[in-house]
Protein backbone atom coordinates (compact mmCIF):
# COMPACT_ATOMS: atom_id res chain seq x y z
CA MET A 1 -27.06 -55.21 -55.47
CA LYS A 2 -25.46 -55.67 -51.68
CA GLY A 3 -25.40 -51.48 -51.46
CA LYS A 4 -22.90 -49.07 -52.06
CA VAL A 5 -19.82 -48.84 -50.84
CA PRO A 6 -19.30 -45.61 -48.86
CA VAL A 7 -17.02 -42.83 -50.09
CA ARG A 8 -14.53 -42.16 -47.87
CA ALA A 9 -13.81 -38.08 -47.32
CA ARG A 10 -10.44 -36.92 -48.46
CA PRO A 11 -8.33 -36.05 -45.64
CA LEU A 12 -8.38 -33.09 -43.70
CA ARG A 13 -5.45 -31.02 -45.18
CA VAL A 14 -2.98 -28.66 -43.14
CA VAL A 15 -0.35 -26.94 -44.42
CA VAL A 16 2.56 -25.81 -42.30
CA SER A 17 4.79 -22.98 -42.75
CA GLY A 18 8.32 -22.36 -40.69
CA TYR A 19 11.81 -22.23 -41.41
CA TYR A 20 11.93 -25.80 -42.24
CA GLY A 21 14.63 -27.61 -44.31
CA PHE A 22 17.41 -25.55 -43.44
CA GLY A 23 18.94 -27.85 -41.44
CA ASN A 24 18.46 -25.74 -38.12
CA LEU A 25 17.97 -28.35 -35.13
CA GLY A 26 15.58 -25.82 -33.01
CA ASP A 27 13.32 -25.76 -35.81
CA GLU A 28 13.16 -29.23 -37.06
CA ALA A 29 12.27 -29.98 -33.15
CA VAL A 30 9.82 -27.58 -33.12
CA LEU A 31 8.46 -29.47 -36.78
CA ARG A 32 9.01 -33.21 -34.92
CA ALA A 33 6.86 -32.14 -31.93
CA MET A 34 4.43 -30.24 -34.08
CA LEU A 35 3.58 -33.16 -36.18
CA ASP A 36 3.63 -35.88 -33.38
CA ALA A 37 0.81 -32.97 -31.25
CA LEU A 38 -1.08 -32.49 -34.27
CA GLN A 39 -1.50 -36.38 -35.49
CA LYS A 40 -1.98 -37.55 -31.45
CA GLN A 41 -4.77 -35.21 -31.01
CA TRP A 42 -6.05 -35.92 -34.04
CA ALA A 43 -6.49 -39.62 -33.14
CA GLN A 44 -7.96 -38.63 -30.04
CA ARG A 45 -10.58 -36.49 -31.13
CA GLN A 46 -11.51 -39.57 -33.86
CA LYS A 47 -12.00 -41.72 -30.79
CA GLN A 48 -14.14 -39.23 -29.01
CA HIS A 49 -16.12 -38.82 -32.00
CA PRO A 50 -15.98 -42.07 -34.28
CA GLY A 51 -17.50 -41.42 -37.50
CA GLY A 52 -17.80 -38.02 -37.19
CA CYS A 53 -14.55 -36.42 -38.81
CA ARG A 54 -12.66 -37.30 -41.87
CA GLU A 55 -10.56 -40.34 -41.35
CA ALA A 56 -7.05 -39.06 -42.11
CA LEU A 57 -5.39 -35.93 -41.19
CA GLN A 58 -2.49 -34.83 -44.49
CA VAL A 59 0.11 -32.42 -43.48
CA ILE A 60 2.23 -30.71 -46.07
CA VAL A 61 5.12 -28.53 -45.00
CA LEU A 62 6.53 -26.01 -47.13
CA SER A 63 10.43 -26.72 -46.55
CA ASN A 64 13.76 -25.61 -48.14
CA ASP A 65 14.30 -29.07 -48.25
CA ALA A 66 11.18 -30.62 -49.18
CA ALA A 67 12.85 -34.39 -50.14
CA GLN A 68 14.82 -34.14 -46.54
CA THR A 69 11.71 -33.05 -44.75
CA LYS A 70 10.01 -36.02 -46.57
CA ARG A 71 12.38 -38.51 -45.62
CA LEU A 72 12.88 -37.51 -42.08
CA TYR A 73 9.06 -37.25 -41.08
CA GLY A 74 7.10 -39.20 -43.43
CA VAL A 75 4.59 -35.92 -44.53
CA GLU A 76 4.30 -34.44 -47.70
CA ALA A 77 6.65 -31.59 -48.47
CA VAL A 78 7.29 -28.75 -50.91
CA ASN A 79 9.73 -26.58 -52.31
CA ARG A 80 8.89 -23.24 -50.45
CA TRP A 81 10.36 -21.16 -52.64
CA GLN A 82 7.99 -22.10 -55.66
CA LEU A 83 4.95 -20.23 -55.69
CA LYS A 84 3.25 -22.36 -57.86
CA GLU A 85 3.14 -25.17 -55.52
CA ILE A 86 2.57 -23.09 -52.48
CA TYR A 87 -0.07 -21.99 -54.00
CA ARG A 88 -1.29 -25.58 -55.36
CA VAL A 89 -1.28 -26.80 -51.92
CA LEU A 90 -3.09 -23.73 -49.90
CA ARG A 91 -5.96 -23.85 -52.44
CA ASP A 92 -6.26 -27.46 -51.64
CA ALA A 93 -5.72 -27.11 -48.01
CA ASP A 94 -8.20 -26.92 -44.99
CA LEU A 95 -5.88 -24.75 -42.84
CA LEU A 96 -2.77 -22.89 -42.75
CA VAL A 97 -0.47 -23.23 -39.82
CA SER A 98 2.13 -20.45 -39.70
CA GLY A 99 4.84 -21.47 -36.98
CA GLY A 100 6.34 -22.44 -34.23
CA GLY A 101 9.56 -20.70 -33.95
CA SER A 102 10.41 -16.67 -34.11
CA LEU A 103 8.57 -15.87 -37.48
CA LEU A 104 7.20 -12.57 -36.88
CA GLN A 105 10.37 -10.73 -36.16
CA ASP A 106 12.61 -8.49 -38.37
CA VAL A 107 16.28 -8.69 -36.61
CA THR A 108 16.90 -11.09 -38.92
CA GLY A 109 15.90 -8.77 -42.21
CA ILE A 110 12.54 -7.65 -43.33
CA LYS A 111 12.67 -10.35 -45.95
CA SER A 112 12.04 -13.07 -43.67
CA LEU A 113 8.90 -11.28 -42.46
CA LEU A 114 7.71 -10.30 -45.47
CA TYR A 115 7.85 -14.21 -46.48
CA TYR A 116 6.05 -15.61 -43.69
CA LEU A 117 3.23 -12.77 -43.73
CA GLY A 118 2.89 -13.37 -47.39
CA VAL A 119 2.21 -16.71 -47.36
CA VAL A 120 -0.16 -15.97 -44.73
CA TRP A 121 -1.55 -13.39 -46.81
CA LEU A 122 -2.21 -16.00 -49.83
CA ALA A 123 -3.91 -18.83 -47.50
CA LEU A 124 -6.08 -15.58 -46.48
CA LYS A 125 -7.01 -14.62 -50.62
CA LEU A 126 -7.59 -18.11 -50.69
CA LYS A 127 -10.22 -18.12 -48.05
CA LYS A 128 -8.32 -20.53 -45.73
CA PRO A 129 -8.17 -20.16 -41.99
CA VAL A 130 -5.02 -19.48 -40.45
CA VAL A 131 -3.71 -20.16 -37.09
CA PHE A 132 -0.34 -18.95 -35.46
CA TYR A 133 1.52 -21.81 -33.89
CA ALA A 134 3.03 -21.53 -30.63
CA GLN A 135 5.16 -18.66 -32.03
CA GLY A 136 7.49 -16.10 -30.31
CA ILE A 137 6.58 -12.35 -31.38
CA GLY A 138 9.39 -10.20 -32.26
CA PRO A 139 11.02 -8.14 -31.80
CA VAL A 140 9.61 -6.27 -34.82
CA ARG A 141 11.45 -3.05 -34.65
CA THR A 142 10.58 -1.30 -37.94
CA LEU A 143 7.26 0.65 -38.38
CA SER A 144 6.49 -1.02 -41.91
CA GLY A 145 6.85 -4.27 -40.26
CA GLN A 146 4.54 -3.78 -37.27
CA PHE A 147 2.51 -2.42 -39.92
CA LEU A 148 2.15 -5.52 -42.06
CA VAL A 149 2.23 -7.78 -38.61
CA ARG A 150 -1.17 -5.79 -37.39
CA LYS A 151 -2.80 -5.94 -40.86
CA ILE A 152 -2.23 -9.53 -41.88
CA ALA A 153 -2.38 -11.35 -38.15
CA SER A 154 -5.40 -9.63 -37.15
CA ARG A 155 -7.09 -11.76 -39.87
CA ALA A 156 -5.89 -14.90 -38.63
CA ARG A 157 -8.49 -17.29 -37.04
CA LEU A 158 -6.34 -17.83 -33.81
CA ILE A 159 -2.98 -16.64 -32.67
CA ILE A 160 -1.20 -19.12 -30.00
CA VAL A 161 2.10 -17.67 -28.78
CA ARG A 162 4.86 -19.15 -26.50
CA ASP A 163 5.17 -16.63 -23.86
CA GLU A 164 3.54 -13.96 -21.83
CA GLN A 165 5.55 -11.43 -23.61
CA SER A 166 4.87 -12.19 -27.39
CA ALA A 167 1.16 -11.75 -26.35
CA LYS A 168 1.96 -8.17 -24.64
CA ASP A 169 4.18 -7.53 -27.93
CA LEU A 170 1.22 -8.28 -30.13
CA ALA A 171 -1.32 -5.87 -28.38
CA GLY A 172 1.53 -3.44 -28.21
CA MET A 173 1.08 -3.43 -32.26
CA GLY A 174 -2.34 -3.25 -32.40
CA ILE A 175 -3.35 -6.75 -33.25
CA ALA A 176 -6.88 -7.21 -32.52
CA GLY A 177 -9.78 -9.37 -33.59
CA PRO A 178 -8.67 -13.25 -33.01
CA PRO A 179 -8.07 -14.96 -29.73
CA VAL A 180 -4.55 -14.91 -28.65
CA TYR A 181 -3.63 -17.92 -26.32
CA VAL A 182 -0.57 -18.53 -24.45
CA THR A 183 1.35 -21.73 -24.64
CA VAL A 184 5.03 -22.77 -24.43
CA ASP A 185 7.67 -23.51 -27.40
CA ALA A 186 6.21 -26.36 -29.43
CA ALA A 187 9.56 -28.51 -28.88
CA LEU A 188 8.75 -28.85 -25.52
CA GLY A 189 6.22 -31.32 -26.04
CA LEU A 190 8.58 -33.49 -27.68
CA SER A 191 8.67 -37.39 -25.90
CA CYS A 192 11.63 -38.46 -23.96
CA ALA A 193 10.62 -41.82 -23.61
CA GLU A 194 11.39 -42.12 -27.20
CA ILE A 195 14.74 -40.61 -27.07
CA ASN A 196 17.92 -43.46 -27.48
CA PRO A 197 21.05 -42.35 -25.35
CA GLN A 198 22.84 -45.37 -26.50
CA ALA A 199 22.81 -43.42 -30.01
CA GLY A 200 24.10 -40.46 -28.67
CA ARG A 201 26.88 -42.43 -27.07
CA ASP A 202 27.80 -43.71 -29.93
CA ILE A 203 28.07 -40.85 -31.90
CA LEU A 204 30.12 -38.80 -28.83
CA ALA A 205 32.57 -41.53 -29.18
CA ARG A 206 33.25 -41.04 -32.67
CA PHE A 207 34.46 -37.74 -31.68
CA GLY A 208 36.12 -39.16 -28.58
CA ILE A 209 34.00 -38.18 -26.07
CA PHE A 210 33.35 -41.46 -23.91
CA SER A 211 30.13 -41.67 -21.14
CA PRO A 212 30.74 -41.99 -17.54
CA PRO A 213 32.22 -43.40 -15.42
CA THR A 214 35.59 -42.32 -17.35
CA SER A 215 34.11 -38.33 -16.60
CA ARG A 216 31.73 -36.16 -16.45
CA ILE A 217 30.37 -34.17 -20.03
CA ALA A 218 29.67 -30.82 -20.54
CA GLY A 219 28.06 -29.67 -23.81
CA ILE A 220 28.76 -26.48 -25.64
CA SER A 221 25.92 -24.77 -28.00
CA VAL A 222 26.98 -21.24 -29.36
CA ARG A 223 25.88 -19.48 -32.62
CA ASN A 224 27.85 -16.25 -34.22
CA TRP A 225 26.72 -13.54 -33.12
CA PRO A 226 27.56 -9.71 -33.41
CA GLY A 227 27.64 -9.83 -29.74
CA LEU A 228 29.70 -12.44 -29.01
CA ALA A 229 32.73 -10.75 -29.09
CA LYS A 230 36.16 -11.46 -28.40
CA LYS A 231 35.56 -11.16 -24.66
CA GLY A 232 32.46 -13.50 -24.59
CA ARG A 233 34.69 -16.08 -26.58
CA GLN A 234 37.15 -16.38 -24.38
CA ALA A 235 34.90 -16.51 -21.46
CA VAL A 236 33.35 -19.43 -22.80
CA ALA A 237 36.75 -20.96 -23.87
CA LYS A 238 38.32 -20.00 -20.00
CA THR A 239 35.05 -21.86 -18.57
CA ALA A 240 35.60 -24.89 -20.49
CA ASP A 241 39.21 -25.09 -19.84
CA ARG A 242 38.19 -24.82 -15.89
CA LEU A 243 35.84 -27.69 -16.56
CA THR A 244 38.34 -30.20 -17.98
CA GLY A 245 41.06 -29.14 -15.37
CA GLN A 246 38.71 -30.66 -12.97
CA GLY A 247 38.46 -33.82 -15.11
CA TRP A 248 35.36 -32.86 -17.73
CA GLN A 249 35.08 -33.99 -21.14
CA VAL A 250 33.76 -30.83 -23.28
CA VAL A 251 32.06 -31.26 -26.83
CA PHE A 252 31.09 -28.05 -28.77
CA LEU A 253 27.34 -29.10 -30.20
CA PRO A 254 26.69 -26.94 -33.45
CA PHE A 255 22.78 -26.84 -33.67
CA HIS A 256 22.72 -24.97 -37.40
CA TYR A 257 24.90 -27.41 -39.25
CA PRO A 258 27.00 -26.15 -40.83
CA ALA A 259 26.58 -22.52 -39.59
CA ASP A 260 27.65 -23.20 -36.21
CA VAL A 261 30.61 -25.23 -37.09
CA ALA A 262 33.20 -21.96 -37.65
CA VAL A 263 32.47 -20.54 -34.06
CA CYS A 264 32.63 -23.44 -32.34
CA ARG A 265 35.63 -23.92 -33.66
CA GLU A 266 37.13 -20.66 -32.74
CA ILE A 267 36.04 -21.01 -29.59
CA ALA A 268 37.32 -24.46 -28.67
CA ALA A 269 40.89 -23.03 -30.71
CA LEU A 270 41.10 -20.60 -27.51
CA MET A 271 41.17 -23.20 -25.11
CA GLN A 272 44.49 -24.40 -23.49
CA LYS A 273 43.36 -28.34 -24.76
CA PRO A 274 41.03 -28.13 -27.39
CA ALA A 275 37.78 -29.62 -27.24
CA PRO A 276 36.12 -31.37 -29.99
CA VAL A 277 33.43 -30.30 -32.27
CA LEU A 278 30.66 -32.57 -32.69
CA GLU A 279 30.69 -31.66 -37.05
CA LYS A 280 27.79 -34.29 -38.14
CA ASN A 281 24.48 -33.17 -39.27
CA CYS A 282 22.33 -34.83 -36.53
CA THR A 283 18.83 -35.23 -36.66
CA VAL A 284 16.37 -33.83 -33.95
CA GLU A 285 16.67 -37.70 -32.39
CA GLU A 286 20.13 -38.12 -32.41
CA MET A 287 20.97 -34.72 -30.87
CA ALA A 288 18.64 -35.59 -27.97
CA GLY A 289 20.46 -38.65 -27.64
CA VAL A 290 23.56 -36.68 -27.23
CA ILE A 291 22.05 -34.58 -24.88
CA LYS A 292 20.90 -37.15 -22.76
CA CYS A 293 24.68 -38.21 -21.89
CA LEU A 294 25.08 -34.44 -21.05
CA ASP A 295 25.87 -34.03 -17.06
CA LEU A 296 25.82 -29.91 -18.21
CA LEU A 297 24.57 -27.75 -20.94
CA ILE A 298 25.86 -24.43 -21.34
CA GLY A 299 23.85 -22.55 -24.41
CA MET A 300 23.15 -19.84 -26.76
CA ARG A 301 20.61 -21.81 -28.67
CA LEU A 302 16.99 -21.85 -27.44
CA HIS A 303 16.35 -25.61 -28.53
CA ALA A 304 19.76 -26.73 -26.77
CA LEU A 305 18.58 -25.24 -23.59
CA ILE A 306 14.86 -26.78 -24.42
CA LEU A 307 16.05 -30.18 -25.40
CA ALA A 308 18.05 -29.89 -22.21
CA ALA A 309 15.35 -29.03 -19.69
CA ILE A 310 13.27 -32.11 -21.15
CA LEU A 311 15.78 -34.30 -20.84
CA ASN A 312 16.87 -32.75 -17.37
CA VAL A 313 20.10 -32.01 -18.03
CA PRO A 314 21.61 -29.27 -15.81
CA LEU A 315 21.66 -26.03 -18.04
CA VAL A 316 23.52 -22.74 -18.21
CA GLY A 317 21.66 -20.14 -20.63
CA ILE A 318 23.69 -17.28 -22.28
CA SER A 319 20.89 -14.62 -23.50
CA TYR A 320 21.49 -13.39 -27.30
CA ASP A 321 17.68 -12.48 -27.65
CA PRO A 322 14.73 -12.03 -25.47
CA LYS A 323 13.28 -15.67 -26.38
CA ILE A 324 16.10 -17.06 -24.38
CA ASP A 325 15.19 -14.98 -21.09
CA ARG A 326 11.44 -15.72 -21.95
CA PHE A 327 11.93 -19.17 -21.91
CA LEU A 328 14.69 -19.47 -18.90
CA GLY A 329 11.91 -17.32 -17.10
CA GLN A 330 9.04 -20.10 -17.68
CA LEU A 331 11.82 -22.27 -15.70
CA ARG A 332 12.17 -19.94 -12.95
CA LEU A 333 15.76 -19.37 -13.99
CA LYS A 334 17.83 -16.12 -15.32
CA PRO A 335 20.70 -16.43 -17.85
CA ALA A 336 24.65 -15.99 -16.85
CA ALA A 337 24.58 -13.01 -18.97
CA GLU A 338 23.70 -11.06 -21.79
CA VAL A 339 25.84 -12.11 -24.70
CA ASN A 340 27.20 -8.40 -24.74
CA ASP A 341 27.93 -8.73 -20.95
CA LEU A 342 29.17 -12.07 -21.21
CA ASP A 343 32.87 -12.80 -18.85
CA PHE A 344 34.57 -15.57 -17.03
CA ALA A 345 33.32 -14.37 -13.79
CA ARG A 346 29.68 -14.16 -14.71
CA LEU A 347 29.59 -17.53 -16.50
CA ASN A 348 31.78 -19.52 -14.42
CA GLY A 349 29.71 -18.29 -11.69
CA ALA A 350 26.51 -19.46 -13.27
CA VAL A 351 28.09 -23.03 -14.00
CA ASP A 352 29.22 -23.34 -10.00
CA GLU A 353 25.75 -22.27 -8.91
CA VAL A 354 24.30 -25.58 -11.09
CA LEU A 355 26.85 -27.54 -9.89
CA ARG A 356 26.72 -26.84 -6.66
CA ASP A 357 24.05 -29.48 -6.00
CA PRO A 358 23.39 -30.90 -10.08
CA GLU A 359 21.02 -33.79 -8.65
CA GLY A 360 18.75 -30.94 -6.44
CA PHE A 361 18.95 -28.79 -9.98
CA ARG A 362 17.45 -32.20 -12.14
CA ARG A 363 14.51 -32.66 -9.46
CA SER A 364 13.55 -29.05 -9.85
CA LEU A 365 13.71 -29.19 -13.41
CA ALA A 366 11.63 -31.98 -13.54
CA GLU A 367 8.92 -30.53 -11.67
CA LYS A 368 9.12 -27.07 -13.34
CA ILE A 369 8.96 -28.70 -17.00
CA LYS A 370 6.16 -31.31 -16.74
CA PRO A 371 3.78 -28.72 -16.70
CA LEU A 372 5.24 -26.96 -19.76
CA GLN A 373 4.93 -29.97 -21.60
CA GLU A 374 1.29 -30.26 -20.90
CA LEU A 375 0.89 -26.53 -22.51
CA ALA A 376 3.04 -27.45 -25.57
CA ARG A 377 0.52 -30.13 -26.03
CA GLN A 378 -2.48 -27.91 -25.94
CA SER A 379 -1.65 -25.87 -28.96
CA ALA A 380 -2.52 -28.72 -31.26
CA ASN A 381 -5.87 -29.10 -29.78
CA LEU A 382 -6.58 -25.11 -29.97
CA THR A 383 -5.19 -25.60 -33.56
CA LEU A 384 -7.49 -28.86 -34.67
CA GLY A 385 -10.42 -26.75 -32.76
CA VAL A 386 -10.62 -24.06 -35.39
CA LEU A 387 -11.86 -27.02 -37.82
CA ASP A 388 -14.70 -28.42 -35.23
CA ARG A 389 -17.15 -28.47 -37.95
CA ASP A 390 -15.44 -31.42 -39.44
CA PHE A 391 -16.11 -33.49 -36.11
């Protein structure tokens, strides 16, 4: 006998719960960045502690479309609506990661909040550590919602939020016990170096948009929202008309496909010369390639603005939710207007301000975004630190 063959320890199993598999590019960008950050941080820890930790990190995602999530990200995924499956993966897990994104809120309804807190509650009942990962907290407007967040989130091992106001909102709800760290939205950790602009150019060309030197390109990302009334839609259309009158090409970018398509079509139809709507269910990488080809991004969608920022594309934000103001504030910028007060004068004025010195805006953006990207990667380090006993 030459000796026993060493038995490999099973992988460290991390279950991730969030709004995944619904075709929302913002949440998919969060997932992509989170998975990359966790794997890179795991590899770094293995180098620092050779032989002192398990060989592999296994991530299991709770998804609305498990097959698609497996295909896109190369991870295990299970149906987020099958309680037996959720129980099975949590029972065998070492850690539940809840996030990122805006999960702890009840603006879109109490059912969403109940779902995410329910997954956390089950993990806690199974005596699994829980980390809230780079979450944007609130608004939680109902007393019952605030009570549930306080009772369940207070039992987490660690809470990481993506902005200072979220930490204040937690404190305001009486969250006590777990340490709270402020970083940034997980999607800010996406690597720009891997984005292929040629893929973006090819997609745009299919919709009749061609890259310079033909002309400059402006992308517009909007979503259906009660506050985006007729006046606001006309303001977006009139601003787009003004850009096309100056020789720009304009394209509408649905970030939640197909949910955003209808409002994009409606606004395009208000234009004197309607602009195309990018009616394609893009991956994160494809949409990033498209945005990399832009010279301007006008956006309501948070992650349209985030992708523009990390790709150094001049941007103008329209606020429909506090998360827009919070992110722009991290860049020391302000939205053109709140969606309820959006008019042509405000939106057009904000666009003119950015285009007065677009190259200067790009340089300033590059300086501001770099420290935010470093903060995004810290979230993974903090999360794995919860399991330092494995090293």
